[in-house]
Amino acid sequence: MPSEKTYELNGFSLPVVFKDGVIQINGPEDLQRFLSADIDNRTLVLVALIKSDYLLRTNQALAIEDDSMIVEIWGHVYASHFAEALKNLVQMHLIEQMADFIIHRADTIDCGERDKDNNRVFWDLLSNFKGLILEFLPNELKA
């Protein structure tokens, strides 16, 4: 069932892979730049498009709440951004290795349903604090 679609949004190419109960967003650099302005609305638009296409491709709704998926995307985008900044700030081998691990994990954005993604409970819990999380995110991400 895996298939792929590339969304062209605001001049950015955002490839998404559709799997059974899981979507994977590729192109972390373009995703960061896409979210660099109006992060709340742009993330909402992307999630709505992905979920709509998932339904069209599988005849089933993706069983992930919008806010949970939004917060997970933010978690990946900002974790990668923070780790890269840390790596550039502290020039120690152990810190660089840890930052590389975070960057690699954060750049793989797999949003899965509860039975496919053991982190879904974590993102579902954090989604209750979406508004508060948004307050702490910068208005513009320097990608």
Protein backbone atom coordinates (compact mmCIF):
# COMPACT_ATOMS: atom_id res chain seq x y z
CA MET A 1 0.00 0.00 0.00
CA PRO A 2 2.86 2.53 0.37
CA SER A 3 2.39 5.46 -1.97
CA GLU A 4 3.80 8.97 -2.09
CA LYS A 5 2.51 12.44 -2.84
CA THR A 6 4.44 15.69 -2.91
CA TYR A 7 2.57 18.74 -1.70
CA GLU A 8 3.60 22.03 -3.29
CA LEU A 9 2.72 24.63 -0.65
CA ASN A 10 3.90 28.24 -0.61
CA GLY A 11 6.78 27.34 -2.94
CA PHE A 12 7.96 24.36 -0.88
CA SER A 13 7.94 20.68 -1.85
CA LEU A 14 6.76 18.42 0.97
CA PRO A 15 6.87 14.71 0.08
CA VAL A 16 4.63 12.46 2.16
CA VAL A 17 4.61 8.65 2.12
CA PHE A 18 1.32 6.95 2.92
CA LYS A 19 1.45 3.53 4.59
CA ASP A 20 -1.08 1.43 6.45
CA GLY A 21 -1.95 3.51 9.53
CA VAL A 22 1.16 5.69 9.15
CA ILE A 23 2.26 8.72 7.19
CA GLN A 24 5.87 9.81 6.81
CA ILE A 25 6.79 13.40 6.00
CA ASN A 26 10.08 13.72 4.15
CA GLY A 27 12.10 16.78 3.19
CA PRO A 28 12.78 18.19 6.66
CA GLU A 29 14.59 21.27 5.32
CA ASP A 30 11.63 22.34 3.16
CA LEU A 31 9.24 21.52 6.01
CA GLN A 32 11.21 23.81 8.35
CA ARG A 33 11.16 26.60 5.79
CA PHE A 34 7.44 26.07 5.08
CA LEU A 35 6.67 26.34 8.81
CA SER A 36 8.95 29.35 9.27
CA ALA A 37 5.96 31.69 9.09
CA ASP A 38 2.42 31.21 10.43
CA ILE A 39 3.33 27.82 11.91
CA ASP A 40 -0.12 27.18 13.42
CA ASN A 41 -2.15 27.69 10.24
CA ARG A 42 0.39 26.13 7.90
CA THR A 43 0.63 22.99 10.04
CA LEU A 44 -3.15 22.76 10.18
CA VAL A 45 -3.40 23.04 6.38
CA LEU A 46 -0.74 20.36 5.87
CA VAL A 47 -2.40 17.96 8.32
CA ALA A 48 -5.82 18.49 6.70
CA LEU A 49 -4.40 17.78 3.22
CA ILE A 50 -2.55 14.68 4.39
CA LYS A 51 -5.57 13.28 6.22
CA SER A 52 -7.85 14.00 3.25
CA ASP A 53 -5.49 12.22 0.84
CA TYR A 54 -5.06 9.32 3.26
CA LEU A 55 -8.84 8.87 3.27
CA LEU A 56 -8.97 9.00 -0.54
CA ARG A 57 -6.15 6.46 -0.88
CA THR A 58 -7.30 3.96 1.75
CA ASN A 59 -11.05 4.58 2.12
CA GLN A 60 -10.36 4.88 5.86
CA ALA A 61 -9.73 7.89 8.03
CA LEU A 62 -6.27 8.16 9.59
CA ALA A 63 -6.99 7.56 13.27
CA ILE A 64 -4.83 10.37 14.62
CA GLU A 65 -6.30 13.52 16.15
CA ASP A 66 -5.30 16.69 14.28
CA ASP A 67 -3.73 18.34 17.34
CA SER A 68 -1.71 15.22 18.15
CA MET A 69 -0.30 15.12 14.62
CA ILE A 70 0.38 18.88 14.67
CA VAL A 71 2.28 18.71 17.96
CA GLU A 72 4.29 15.73 16.72
CA ILE A 73 5.32 17.64 13.59
CA TRP A 74 6.35 20.61 15.72
CA GLY A 75 8.29 18.31 18.04
CA HIS A 76 10.29 16.92 15.15
CA VAL A 77 10.90 20.26 13.43
CA TYR A 78 12.04 22.05 16.57
CA ALA A 79 14.03 19.12 18.01
CA SER A 80 16.09 18.99 14.85
CA HIS A 81 16.55 22.77 14.85
CA PHE A 82 17.59 22.81 18.53
CA ALA A 83 20.00 19.88 18.11
CA GLU A 84 21.68 21.53 15.13
CA ALA A 85 22.13 24.75 17.13
CA LEU A 86 23.55 22.79 20.08
CA LYS A 87 25.97 20.94 17.80
CA ASN A 88 27.24 24.23 16.38
CA LEU A 89 27.50 25.82 19.82
CA VAL A 90 29.31 23.05 21.73
CA GLN A 91 32.20 21.47 19.87
CA MET A 92 32.52 18.23 21.87
CA HIS A 93 32.51 14.81 20.25
CA LEU A 94 29.89 13.35 22.63
CA ILE A 95 27.59 16.38 22.20
CA GLU A 96 28.02 16.21 18.41
CA GLN A 97 27.13 12.49 18.41
CA MET A 98 24.07 13.07 20.57
CA ALA A 99 22.97 16.01 18.38
CA ASP A 100 23.43 13.90 15.24
CA PHE A 101 21.24 11.19 16.79
CA ILE A 102 18.52 13.75 17.63
CA ILE A 103 18.73 15.31 14.17
CA HIS A 104 18.44 11.91 12.48
CA ARG A 105 15.48 10.84 14.65
CA ALA A 106 13.77 14.23 14.43
CA ASP A 107 14.11 14.42 10.66
CA THR A 108 12.16 11.18 10.29
CA ILE A 109 8.59 12.25 10.86
CA ASP A 110 6.45 9.14 11.11
CA CYS A 111 2.96 9.82 12.43
CA GLY A 112 1.17 6.57 13.12
CA GLU A 113 -2.03 5.35 14.64
CA ARG A 114 -1.83 3.99 18.20
CA ASP A 115 -1.40 0.35 17.13
CA LYS A 116 1.44 1.31 14.74
CA ASP A 117 3.25 4.05 16.68
CA ASN A 118 4.26 3.49 20.30
CA ASN A 119 4.83 7.27 20.68
CA ARG A 120 1.22 8.16 19.83
CA VAL A 121 0.21 8.22 23.51
CA PHE A 122 2.98 10.75 24.18
CA TRP A 123 1.88 13.03 21.32
CA ASP A 124 -1.79 12.63 22.29
CA LEU A 125 -0.94 13.77 25.81
CA LEU A 126 1.10 16.74 24.58
CA SER A 127 -1.69 17.74 22.20
CA ASN A 128 -3.70 18.84 25.25
CA PHE A 129 -1.12 21.59 25.65
CA LYS A 130 -0.99 22.65 21.98
CA GLY A 131 -1.91 26.27 22.74
CA LEU A 132 0.72 26.54 25.45
CA ILE A 133 3.35 24.87 23.25
CA LEU A 134 2.53 27.32 20.46
CA GLU A 135 3.16 30.23 22.86
CA PHE A 136 6.74 29.00 23.39
CA LEU A 137 7.52 28.52 19.69
CA PRO A 138 9.15 31.47 17.96
CA ASN A 139 6.89 33.42 15.61
CA GLU A 140 9.33 32.68 12.82
CA LEU A 141 11.64 29.71 12.67
CA LYS A 142 15.04 30.60 11.31
CA ALA A 143 15.52 27.61 9.00
